[in-house]
PDB file of N, CA and C in Angstrom:
ATOM      1  N   MET A   1    -139.054  54.060 -85.962  1.00  0.00           N
ATOM      2  CA  MET A   1    -138.919  53.648 -84.542  1.00  0.00           C
ATOM      3  C   MET A   1    -139.264  52.068 -84.341  1.00  0.00           C
ATOM      4  N   GLY A   2    -138.874  51.468 -83.253  1.00  0.00           N
ATOM      5  CA  GLY A   2    -139.144  49.999 -83.061  1.00  0.00           C
ATOM      6  C   GLY A   2    -138.171  48.927 -83.731  1.00  0.00           C
ATOM      7  N   SER A   3    -138.083  47.939 -83.414  1.00  0.00           N
ATOM      8  CA  SER A   3    -137.303  46.870 -83.935  1.00  0.00           C
ATOM      9  C   SER A   3    -138.294  46.000 -84.596  1.00  0.00           C
ATOM     10  N   LYS A   4    -137.804  45.103 -85.792  1.00  0.00           N
ATOM     11  CA  LYS A   4    -138.529  44.289 -86.503  1.00  0.00           C
ATOM     12  C   LYS A   4    -139.377  43.215 -85.570  1.00  0.00           C
ATOM     13  N   TYR A   5    -138.745  42.923 -84.609  1.00  0.00           N
ATOM     14  CA  TYR A   5    -139.244  41.879 -83.608  1.00  0.00           C
ATOM     15  C   TYR A   5    -140.520  42.397 -83.054  1.00  0.00           C
ATOM     16  N   VAL A   6    -140.674  43.670 -82.619  1.00  0.00           N
ATOM     17  CA  VAL A   6    -142.046  44.119 -82.220  1.00  0.00           C
ATOM     18  C   VAL A   6    -142.889  44.619 -83.232  1.00  0.00           C
ATOM     19  N   ASP A   7    -142.398  44.990 -84.217  1.00  0.00           N
ATOM     20  CA  ASP A   7    -143.288  45.428 -85.473  1.00  0.00           C
ATOM     21  C   ASP A   7    -144.200  44.507 -85.953  1.00  0.00           C
ATOM     22  N   HIS A   8    -143.583  43.308 -86.231  1.00  0.00           N
ATOM     23  CA  HIS A   8    -144.298  42.150 -86.627  1.00  0.00           C
ATOM     24  C   HIS A   8    -145.545  41.585 -85.616  1.00  0.00           C
ATOM     25  N   LEU A   9    -145.383  41.959 -84.353  1.00  0.00           N
ATOM     26  CA  LEU A   9    -146.421  41.600 -83.415  1.00  0.00           C
ATOM     27  C   LEU A   9    -147.664  42.549 -83.381  1.00  0.00           C
ATOM     28  N   ILE A  10    -147.535  43.840 -83.976  1.00  0.00           N
ATOM     29  CA  ILE A  10    -148.622  44.694 -83.786  1.00  0.00           C
ATOM     30  C   ILE A  10    -149.681  44.565 -85.198  1.00  0.00           C
ATOM     31  N   ASP A  11    -150.976  44.502 -84.680  1.00  0.00           N
ATOM     32  CA  ASP A  11    -151.833  44.371 -85.893  1.00  0.00           C
ATOM     33  C   ASP A  11    -152.539  45.666 -85.864  1.00  0.00           C
ATOM     34  N   ASP A  12    -152.472  46.402 -86.862  1.00  0.00           N
ATOM     35  CA  ASP A  12    -153.053  47.725 -86.893  1.00  0.00           C
ATOM     36  C   ASP A  12    -154.643  47.731 -86.636  1.00  0.00           C
ATOM     37  N   ASP A  13    -155.167  46.489 -87.076  1.00  0.00           N
ATOM     38  CA  ASP A  13    -156.691  46.548 -86.924  1.00  0.00           C
ATOM     39  C   ASP A  13    -157.208  46.408 -85.593  1.00  0.00           C
ATOM     40  N   GLU A  14    -156.239  45.949 -84.604  1.00  0.00           N
ATOM     41  CA  GLU A  14    -156.689  45.917 -83.296  1.00  0.00           C
ATOM     42  C   GLU A  14    -156.142  47.254 -82.516  1.00  0.00           C
ATOM     43  N   VAL A  15    -155.508  48.131 -83.036  1.00  0.00           N
ATOM     44  CA  VAL A  15    -155.281  49.451 -82.263  1.00  0.00           C
ATOM     45  C   VAL A  15    -156.356  50.353 -82.600  1.00  0.00           C
ATOM     46  N   PRO A  16    -157.208  50.647 -81.496  1.00  0.00           N
ATOM     47  CA  PRO A  16    -158.153  51.648 -81.722  1.00  0.00           C
ATOM     48  C   PRO A  16    -157.742  52.973 -82.031  1.00  0.00           C
ATOM     49  N   GLU A  17    -158.744  53.967 -82.845  1.00  0.00           N
ATOM     50  CA  GLU A  17    -158.345  55.244 -83.095  1.00  0.00           C
ATOM     51  C   GLU A  17    -158.425  56.144 -81.900  1.00  0.00           C
ATOM     52  N   LEU A  18    -157.611  56.980 -81.742  1.00  0.00           N
ATOM     53  CA  LEU A  18    -157.472  58.052 -80.612  1.00  0.00           C
ATOM     54  C   LEU A  18    -158.587  58.930 -80.734  1.00  0.00           C
ATOM     55  N   THR A  19    -159.342  59.056 -79.544  1.00  0.00           N
ATOM     56  CA  THR A  19    -160.511  60.066 -79.592  1.00  0.00           C
ATOM     57  C   THR A  19    -159.961  61.401 -78.948  1.00  0.00           C
ATOM     58  N   GLU A  20    -160.930  62.452 -79.019  1.00  0.00           N
ATOM     59  CA  GLU A  20    -160.630  63.613 -78.561  1.00  0.00           C
ATOM     60  C   GLU A  20    -160.318  63.494 -77.031  1.00  0.00           C
ATOM     61  N   GLU A  21    -160.977  62.898 -76.288  1.00  0.00           N
ATOM     62  CA  GLU A  21    -160.918  62.525 -74.899  1.00  0.00           C
ATOM     63  C   GLU A  21    -159.331  62.064 -74.644  1.00  0.00           C
ATOM     64  N   ASP A  22    -158.908  61.092 -75.466  1.00  0.00           N
ATOM     65  CA  ASP A  22    -157.605  60.606 -75.362  1.00  0.00           C
ATOM     66  C   ASP A  22    -156.494  61.557 -75.575  1.00  0.00           C
ATOM     67  N   ALA A  23    -156.781  62.412 -76.412  1.00  0.00           N
ATOM     68  CA  ALA A  23    -155.871  63.694 -76.750  1.00  0.00           C
ATOM     69  C   ALA A  23    -155.773  64.442 -75.648  1.00  0.00           C
ATOM     70  N   LYS A  24    -157.023  64.797 -74.873  1.00  0.00           N
ATOM     71  CA  LYS A  24    -157.066  65.805 -73.836  1.00  0.00           C
ATOM     72  C   LYS A  24    -156.413  65.221 -72.622  1.00  0.00           C
ATOM     73  N   ASN A  25    -156.389  63.763 -72.425  1.00  0.00           N
ATOM     74  CA  ASN A  25    -155.725  63.207 -71.368  1.00  0.00           C
ATOM     75  C   ASN A  25    -154.221  62.860 -71.587  1.00  0.00           C
ATOM     76  N   SER A  26    -153.775  63.031 -72.736  1.00  0.00           N
ATOM     77  CA  SER A  26    -152.412  62.526 -72.996  1.00  0.00           C
ATOM     78  C   SER A  26    -151.273  63.502 -72.450  1.00  0.00           C
ATOM     79  N   LEU A  27    -150.080  63.127 -72.250  1.00  0.00           N
ATOM     80  CA  LEU A  27    -149.000  63.833 -71.800  1.00  0.00           C
ATOM     81  C   LEU A  27    -148.110  63.939 -72.810  1.00  0.00           C
ATOM     82  N   SER A  28    -147.261  65.132 -73.055  1.00  0.00           N
ATOM     83  CA  SER A  28    -146.088  65.261 -73.876  1.00  0.00           C
ATOM     84  C   SER A  28    -145.057  64.430 -73.262  1.00  0.00           C
ATOM     85  N   PHE A  29    -143.942  64.237 -74.117  1.00  0.00           N
ATOM     86  CA  PHE A  29    -142.755  63.352 -73.612  1.00  0.00           C
ATOM     87  C   PHE A  29    -142.201  64.128 -72.368  1.00  0.00           C
ATOM     88  N   ALA A  30    -141.914  65.417 -72.405  1.00  0.00           N
ATOM     89  CA  ALA A  30    -141.294  66.125 -71.349  1.00  0.00           C
ATOM     90  C   ALA A  30    -142.189  65.979 -70.001  1.00  0.00           C
ATOM     91  N   GLU A  31    -143.413  65.665 -70.198  1.00  0.00           N
ATOM     92  CA  GLU A  31    -144.132  65.602 -68.914  1.00  0.00           C
ATOM     93  C   GLU A  31    -144.084  64.092 -68.318  1.00  0.00           C
ATOM     94  N   LEU A  32    -143.568  63.239 -69.027  1.00  0.00           N
ATOM     95  CA  LEU A  32    -143.349  61.893 -68.509  1.00  0.00           C
ATOM     96  C   LEU A  32    -142.334  61.827 -67.390  1.00  0.00           C
ATOM     97  N   PRO A  33    -142.381  60.886 -66.520  1.00  0.00           N
ATOM     98  CA  PRO A  33    -141.248  60.619 -65.587  1.00  0.00           C
ATOM     99  C   PRO A  33    -139.980  60.501 -66.210  1.00  0.00           C
ATOM    100  N   ALA A  34    -138.897  60.859 -65.563  1.00  0.00           N
ATOM    101  CA  ALA A  34    -137.597  60.830 -66.334  1.00  0.00           C
ATOM    102  C   ALA A  34    -137.187  59.284 -66.487  1.00  0.00           C
ATOM    103  N   ASP A  35    -137.535  58.472 -65.701  1.00  0.00           N
ATOM    104  CA  ASP A  35    -137.092  57.040 -65.878  1.00  0.00           C
ATOM    105  C   ASP A  35    -137.972  56.589 -67.055  1.00  0.00           C
ATOM    106  N   LEU A  36    -139.059  56.811 -67.354  1.00  0.00           N
ATOM    107  CA  LEU A  36    -139.892  56.356 -68.255  1.00  0.00           C
ATOM    108  C   LEU A  36    -139.337  57.023 -69.779  1.00  0.00           C
ATOM    109  N   GLN A  37    -138.867  58.290 -69.621  1.00  0.00           N
ATOM    110  CA  GLN A  37    -138.374  58.978 -70.869  1.00  0.00           C
ATOM    111  C   GLN A  37    -137.041  58.366 -71.228  1.00  0.00           C
ATOM    112  N   HIS A  38    -136.219  57.929 -70.242  1.00  0.00           N
ATOM    113  CA  HIS A  38    -135.101  56.978 -70.501  1.00  0.00           C
ATOM    114  C   HIS A  38    -135.336  55.953 -71.237  1.00  0.00           C
ATOM    115  N   VAL A  39    -136.354  55.177 -70.736  1.00  0.00           N
ATOM    116  CA  VAL A  39    -136.657  53.812 -71.335  1.00  0.00           C
ATOM    117  C   VAL A  39    -137.244  54.066 -72.783  1.00  0.00           C
ATOM    118  N   LEU A  40    -137.980  54.928 -73.022  1.00  0.00           N
ATOM    119  CA  LEU A  40    -138.593  55.210 -74.275  1.00  0.00           C
ATOM    120  C   LEU A  40    -137.465  55.767 -75.217  1.00  0.00           C
ATOM    121  N   SER A  41    -136.572  56.527 -74.727  1.00  0.00           N
ATOM    122  CA  SER A  41    -135.296  56.915 -75.491  1.00  0.00           C
ATOM    123  C   SER A  41    -134.468  55.850 -76.130  1.00  0.00           C
ATOM    124  N   GLU A  42    -134.085  54.785 -75.069  1.00  0.00           N
ATOM    125  CA  GLU A  42    -133.494  53.640 -75.212  1.00  0.00           C
ATOM    126  C   GLU A  42    -134.210  52.605 -76.359  1.00  0.00           C
ATOM    127  N   ILE A  43    -135.450  52.495 -76.355  1.00  0.00           N
ATOM    128  CA  ILE A  43    -136.123  51.712 -77.285  1.00  0.00           C
ATOM    129  C   ILE A  43    -135.988  52.297 -78.509  1.00  0.00           C
ATOM    130  N   GLN A  44    -136.257  53.762 -78.587  1.00  0.00           N
ATOM    131  CA  GLN A  44    -136.184  54.463 -79.902  1.00  0.00           C
ATOM    132  C   GLN A  44    -134.601  54.348 -80.622  1.00  0.00           C
ATOM    133  N   ARG A  45    -133.692  54.391 -79.826  1.00  0.00           N
ATOM    134  CA  ARG A  45    -132.327  54.030 -80.207  1.00  0.00           C
ATOM    135  C   ARG A  45    -132.042  52.533 -80.775  1.00  0.00           C
ATOM    136  N   GLY A  46    -132.849  51.770 -80.255  1.00  0.00           N
ATOM    137  CA  GLY A  46    -132.814  50.314 -80.719  1.00  0.00           C
ATOM    138  C   GLY A  46    -132.075  49.572 -79.590  1.00  0.00           C
ATOM    139  N   ASN A  47    -131.691  50.226 -78.559  1.00  0.00           N
ATOM    140  CA  ASN A  47    -131.105  49.520 -77.243  1.00  0.00           C
ATOM    141  C   ASN A  47    -131.814  48.587 -76.492  1.00  0.00           C
ATOM    142  N   VAL A  48    -133.065  48.486 -76.716  1.00  0.00           N
ATOM    143  CA  VAL A  48    -134.186  47.673 -75.960  1.00  0.00           C
ATOM    144  C   VAL A  48    -134.992  47.131 -76.863  1.00  0.00           C
ATOM    145  N   ILE A  49    -135.068  45.631 -76.667  1.00  0.00           N
ATOM    146  CA  ILE A  49    -135.771  44.929 -77.506  1.00  0.00           C
ATOM    147  C   ILE A  49    -136.923  44.445 -76.595  1.00  0.00           C
ATOM    148  N   ILE A  50    -138.211  44.736 -76.868  1.00  0.00           N
ATOM    149  CA  ILE A  50    -139.301  44.447 -75.939  1.00  0.00           C
ATOM    150  C   ILE A  50    -139.891  42.906 -76.520  1.00  0.00           C
ATOM    151  N   ARG A  51    -139.811  42.001 -75.568  1.00  0.00           N
ATOM    152  CA  ARG A  51    -140.232  40.719 -75.829  1.00  0.00           C
ATOM    153  C   ARG A  51    -141.441  40.536 -74.985  1.00  0.00           C
ATOM    154  N   PRO A  52    -142.501  39.617 -75.662  1.00  0.00           N
ATOM    155  CA  PRO A  52    -143.723  39.366 -75.011  1.00  0.00           C
ATOM    156  C   PRO A  52    -143.431  38.627 -73.642  1.00  0.00           C
ATOM    157  N   ASP A  53    -142.630  37.782 -73.606  1.00  0.00           N
ATOM    158  CA  ASP A  53    -142.293  36.940 -72.300  1.00  0.00           C
ATOM    159  C   ASP A  53    -140.865  36.859 -72.477  1.00  0.00           C
ATOM    160  N   PRO A  54    -140.184  36.638 -71.281  1.00  0.00           N
ATOM    161  CA  PRO A  54    -138.713  36.421 -71.224  1.00  0.00           C
ATOM    162  C   PRO A  54    -138.477  35.105 -72.043  1.00  0.00           C
ATOM    163  N   VAL A  55    -137.365  34.961 -72.514  1.00  0.00           N
ATOM    164  CA  VAL A  55    -136.917  33.611 -73.207  1.00  0.00           C
ATOM    165  C   VAL A  55    -136.853  32.484 -72.411  1.00  0.00           C
ATOM    166  N   LYS A  56    -137.707  31.521 -72.695  1.00  0.00           N
ATOM    167  CA  LYS A  56    -137.892  30.543 -71.987  1.00  0.00           C
ATOM    168  C   LYS A  56    -137.277  29.117 -72.680  1.00  0.00           C
ATOM    169  N   LYS A  57    -136.643  28.287 -71.726  1.00  0.00           N
ATOM    170  CA  LYS A  57    -136.016  26.910 -72.104  1.00  0.00           C
ATOM    171  C   LYS A  57    -136.938  25.753 -71.790  1.00  0.00           C
ATOM    172  N   THR A  58    -137.030  24.906 -72.355  1.00  0.00           N
ATOM    173  CA  THR A  58    -137.943  23.638 -72.093  1.00  0.00           C
ATOM    174  C   THR A  58    -137.096  22.841 -71.348  1.00  0.00           C
ATOM    175  N   VAL A  59    -137.470  22.490 -70.300  1.00  0.00           N
ATOM    176  CA  VAL A  59    -136.660  21.491 -69.365  1.00  0.00           C
ATOM    177  C   VAL A  59    -137.793  20.401 -68.845  1.00  0.00           C
ATOM    178  N   GLN A  60    -137.096  19.326 -68.301  1.00  0.00           N
ATOM    179  CA  GLN A  60    -137.785  18.237 -67.764  1.00  0.00           C
ATOM    180  C   GLN A  60    -137.731  18.383 -66.245  1.00  0.00           C
ATOM    181  N   LEU A  61    -138.802  18.286 -65.484  1.00  0.00           N
ATOM    182  CA  LEU A  61    -138.801  18.616 -64.073  1.00  0.00           C
ATOM    183  C   LEU A  61    -139.942  17.588 -63.503  1.00  0.00           C
ATOM    184  N   SER A  62    -139.400  16.982 -62.532  1.00  0.00           N
ATOM    185  CA  SER A  62    -140.241  16.115 -61.528  1.00  0.00           C
ATOM    186  C   SER A  62    -141.072  16.876 -60.413  1.00  0.00           C
ATOM    187  N   LEU A  63    -142.198  16.649 -60.582  1.00  0.00           N
ATOM    188  CA  LEU A  63    -142.877  17.439 -59.409  1.00  0.00           C
ATOM    189  C   LEU A  63    -143.610  16.425 -58.594  1.00  0.00           C
ATOM    190  N   SER A  64    -143.982  16.738 -57.344  1.00  0.00           N
ATOM    191  CA  SER A  64    -144.728  15.823 -56.502  1.00  0.00           C
ATOM    192  C   SER A  64    -146.087  15.725 -57.249  1.00  0.00           C
ATOM    193  N   SER A  65    -146.990  14.745 -57.198  1.00  0.00           N
ATOM    194  CA  SER A  65    -148.286  14.540 -57.644  1.00  0.00           C
ATOM    195  C   SER A  65    -149.214  15.531 -57.333  1.00  0.00           C
ATOM    196  N   ASP A  66    -149.389  15.891 -55.911  1.00  0.00           N
ATOM    197  CA  ASP A  66    -150.288  16.786 -55.494  1.00  0.00           C
ATOM    198  C   ASP A  66    -149.810  18.308 -55.789  1.00  0.00           C
ATOM    199  N   VAL A  67    -148.590  18.564 -55.948  1.00  0.00           N
ATOM    200  CA  VAL A  67    -148.181  20.108 -56.493  1.00  0.00           C
ATOM    201  C   VAL A  67    -148.482  20.101 -57.983  1.00  0.00           C
ATOM    202  N   LEU A  68    -148.245  19.109 -58.814  1.00  0.00           N
ATOM    203  CA  LEU A  68    -148.677  19.101 -60.156  1.00  0.00           C
ATOM    204  C   LEU A  68    -150.183  19.324 -60.331  1.00  0.00           C
ATOM    205  N   ALA A  69    -150.920  18.349 -59.528  1.00  0.00           N
ATOM    206  CA  ALA A  69    -152.458  18.576 -59.679  1.00  0.00           C
ATOM    207  C   ALA A  69    -152.970  19.905 -59.457  1.00  0.00           C
ATOM    208  N   LYS A  70    -152.473  20.517 -58.265  1.00  0.00           N
ATOM    209  CA  LYS A  70    -152.758  21.860 -57.999  1.00  0.00           C
ATOM    210  C   LYS A  70    -152.527  22.940 -59.133  1.00  0.00           C
ATOM    211  N   PHE A  71    -151.330  22.760 -59.707  1.00  0.00           N
ATOM    212  CA  PHE A  71    -150.979  23.742 -60.940  1.00  0.00           C
ATOM    213  C   PHE A  71    -151.905  23.510 -62.122  1.00  0.00           C
ATOM    214  N   GLU A  72    -151.966  22.174 -62.385  1.00  0.00           N
ATOM    215  CA  GLU A  72    -152.826  21.806 -63.579  1.00  0.00           C
ATOM    216  C   GLU A  72    -154.347  22.167 -63.219  1.00  0.00           C
ATOM    217  N   ALA A  73    -154.758  22.249 -61.964  1.00  0.00           N
ATOM    218  CA  ALA A  73    -156.105  22.876 -61.763  1.00  0.00           C
ATOM    219  C   ALA A  73    -156.235  24.130 -62.111  1.00  0.00           C
ATOM    220  N   LYS A  74    -155.375  24.912 -62.187  1.00  0.00           N
ATOM    221  CA  LYS A  74    -155.415  26.325 -62.789  1.00  0.00           C
ATOM    222  C   LYS A  74    -155.811  26.339 -64.283  1.00  0.00           C
ATOM    223  N   GLY A  75    -155.691  25.301 -64.993  1.00  0.00           N
ATOM    224  CA  GLY A  75    -155.976  25.292 -66.304  1.00  0.00           C
ATOM    225  C   GLY A  75    -154.966  25.812 -67.359  1.00  0.00           C
ATOM    226  N   GLU A  76    -155.278  26.152 -68.419  1.00  0.00           N
ATOM    227  CA  GLU A  76    -154.408  26.510 -69.459  1.00  0.00           C
ATOM    228  C   GLU A  76    -153.395  27.460 -69.079  1.00  0.00           C
ATOM    229  N   GLY A  77    -152.086  27.386 -69.127  1.00  0.00           N
ATOM    230  CA  GLY A  77    -151.001  28.280 -68.813  1.00  0.00           C
ATOM    231  C   GLY A  77    -150.395  27.963 -67.452  1.00  0.00           C
ATOM    232  N   TRP A  78    -150.837  26.679 -67.063  1.00  0.00           N
ATOM    233  CA  TRP A  78    -150.216  26.422 -65.536  1.00  0.00           C
ATOM    234  C   TRP A  78    -148.874  26.304 -65.557  1.00  0.00           C
ATOM    235  N   GLU A  79    -148.106  25.885 -66.718  1.00  0.00           N
ATOM    236  CA  GLU A  79    -146.644  25.911 -66.717  1.00  0.00           C
ATOM    237  C   GLU A  79    -146.185  27.288 -66.512  1.00  0.00           C
ATOM    238  N   SER A  80    -146.641  28.289 -66.964  1.00  0.00           N
ATOM    239  CA  SER A  80    -146.181  29.669 -66.731  1.00  0.00           C
ATOM    240  C   SER A  80    -146.449  30.140 -65.312  1.00  0.00           C
ATOM    241  N   LYS A  81    -147.560  29.462 -64.754  1.00  0.00           N
ATOM    242  CA  LYS A  81    -147.879  29.812 -63.176  1.00  0.00           C
ATOM    243  C   LYS A  81    -146.543  29.051 -62.375  1.00  0.00           C
ATOM    244  N   VAL A  82    -146.113  27.983 -62.666  1.00  0.00           N
ATOM    245  CA  VAL A  82    -144.995  27.209 -62.100  1.00  0.00           C
ATOM    246  C   VAL A  82    -143.820  28.303 -62.217  1.00  0.00           C
ATOM    247  N   ASP A  83    -143.660  28.720 -63.557  1.00  0.00           N
ATOM    248  CA  ASP A  83    -142.563  29.661 -63.681  1.00  0.00           C
ATOM    249  C   ASP A  83    -142.402  30.954 -62.942  1.00  0.00           C
ATOM    250  N   GLU A  84    -143.769  31.478 -62.670  1.00  0.00           N
ATOM    251  CA  GLU A  84    -143.903  32.629 -61.865  1.00  0.00           C
ATOM    252  C   GLU A  84    -143.638  32.331 -60.357  1.00  0.00           C
ATOM    253  N   ALA A  85    -144.094  31.133 -59.869  1.00  0.00           N
ATOM    254  CA  ALA A  85    -143.827  30.826 -58.676  1.00  0.00           C
ATOM    255  C   ALA A  85    -142.433  30.653 -58.022  1.00  0.00           C
ATOM    256  N   LEU A  86    -141.779  29.824 -59.110  1.00  0.00           N
ATOM    257  CA  LEU A  86    -140.302  29.794 -58.945  1.00  0.00           C
ATOM    258  C   LEU A  86    -139.579  30.987 -58.875  1.00  0.00           C
ATOM    259  N   ARG A  87    -140.009  32.012 -59.787  1.00  0.00           N
ATOM    260  CA  ARG A  87    -139.299  33.445 -59.967  1.00  0.00           C
ATOM    261  C   ARG A  87    -139.567  34.147 -58.494  1.00  0.00           C
ATOM    262  N   GLU A  88    -140.949  34.039 -58.158  1.00  0.00           N
ATOM    263  CA  GLU A  88    -141.094  34.634 -56.817  1.00  0.00           C
ATOM    264  C   GLU A  88    -140.287  34.184 -55.626  1.00  0.00           C
ATOM    265  N   TRP A  89    -140.185  32.748 -55.494  1.00  0.00           N
ATOM    266  CA  TRP A  89    -139.393  32.124 -54.611  1.00  0.00           C
ATOM    267  C   TRP A  89    -137.907  32.465 -54.648  1.00  0.00           C
ATOM    268  N   LEU A  90    -137.305  32.680 -55.799  1.00  0.00           N
ATOM    269  CA  LEU A  90    -136.046  33.187 -55.977  1.00  0.00           C
ATOM    270  C   LEU A  90    -135.694  34.588 -55.565  1.00  0.00           C
ATOM    271  N   GLU A  91    -136.794  35.356 -55.797  1.00  0.00           N
ATOM    272  CA  GLU A  91    -136.826  36.893 -55.319  1.00  0.00           C
ATOM    273  C   GLU A  91    -136.871  36.904 -53.697  1.00  0.00           C
ATOM    274  N   GLU A  92    -137.735  36.108 -53.271  1.00  0.00           N
ATOM    275  CA  GLU A  92    -137.763  35.995 -51.795  1.00  0.00           C
ATOM    276  C   GLU A  92    -136.441  35.500 -51.024  1.00  0.00           C
ATOM    277  N   HIS A  93    -135.651  34.579 -51.915  1.00  0.00           N
ATOM    278  CA  HIS A  93    -134.531  33.958 -51.145  1.00  0.00           C
ATOM    279  C   HIS A  93    -133.252  34.228 -51.903  1.00  0.00           C
ATOM    280  N   LYS A  94    -133.072  35.643 -52.312  1.00  0.00           N
ATOM    281  CA  LYS A  94    -132.013  35.989 -52.832  1.00  0.00           C
ATOM    282  C   LYS A  94    -130.737  35.750 -51.905  1.00  0.00           C
ATOM    283  N   ALA A  95    -129.770  35.264 -52.576  1.00  0.00           N
ATOM    284  CA  ALA A  95    -128.456  35.215 -51.756  1.00  0.00           C
ATOM    285  C   ALA A  95    -127.839  36.650 -51.235  1.00  0.00           C
ATOM    286  N   SER A  96    -127.346  36.602 -49.992  1.00  0.00           N
ATOM    287  CA  SER A  96    -127.140  37.890 -49.381  1.00  0.00           C
ATOM    288  C   SER A  96    -125.633  38.155 -49.657  1.00  0.00           C
TER     289      SER A  96
END
């Protein structure tokens, strides 16, 4: 199961062993919600590739100094926060 894309991202040393408590709290596939069963089945069939982040393209963008300063003040990963803010704005302003 799984694609090569996902498999190489998994480090077995970082995956903890399942405990008896984990086993008691686990659900069978049939007990999962239907939408999750569908997604998992599609992943198993190889119809879905899980990526850590959406594919991003590098662009040059001019921002106001104050806007840039506020995002940079958030520290490392501020560029992703700009991406997230733009995504939220687009969701809120969908064309009707």
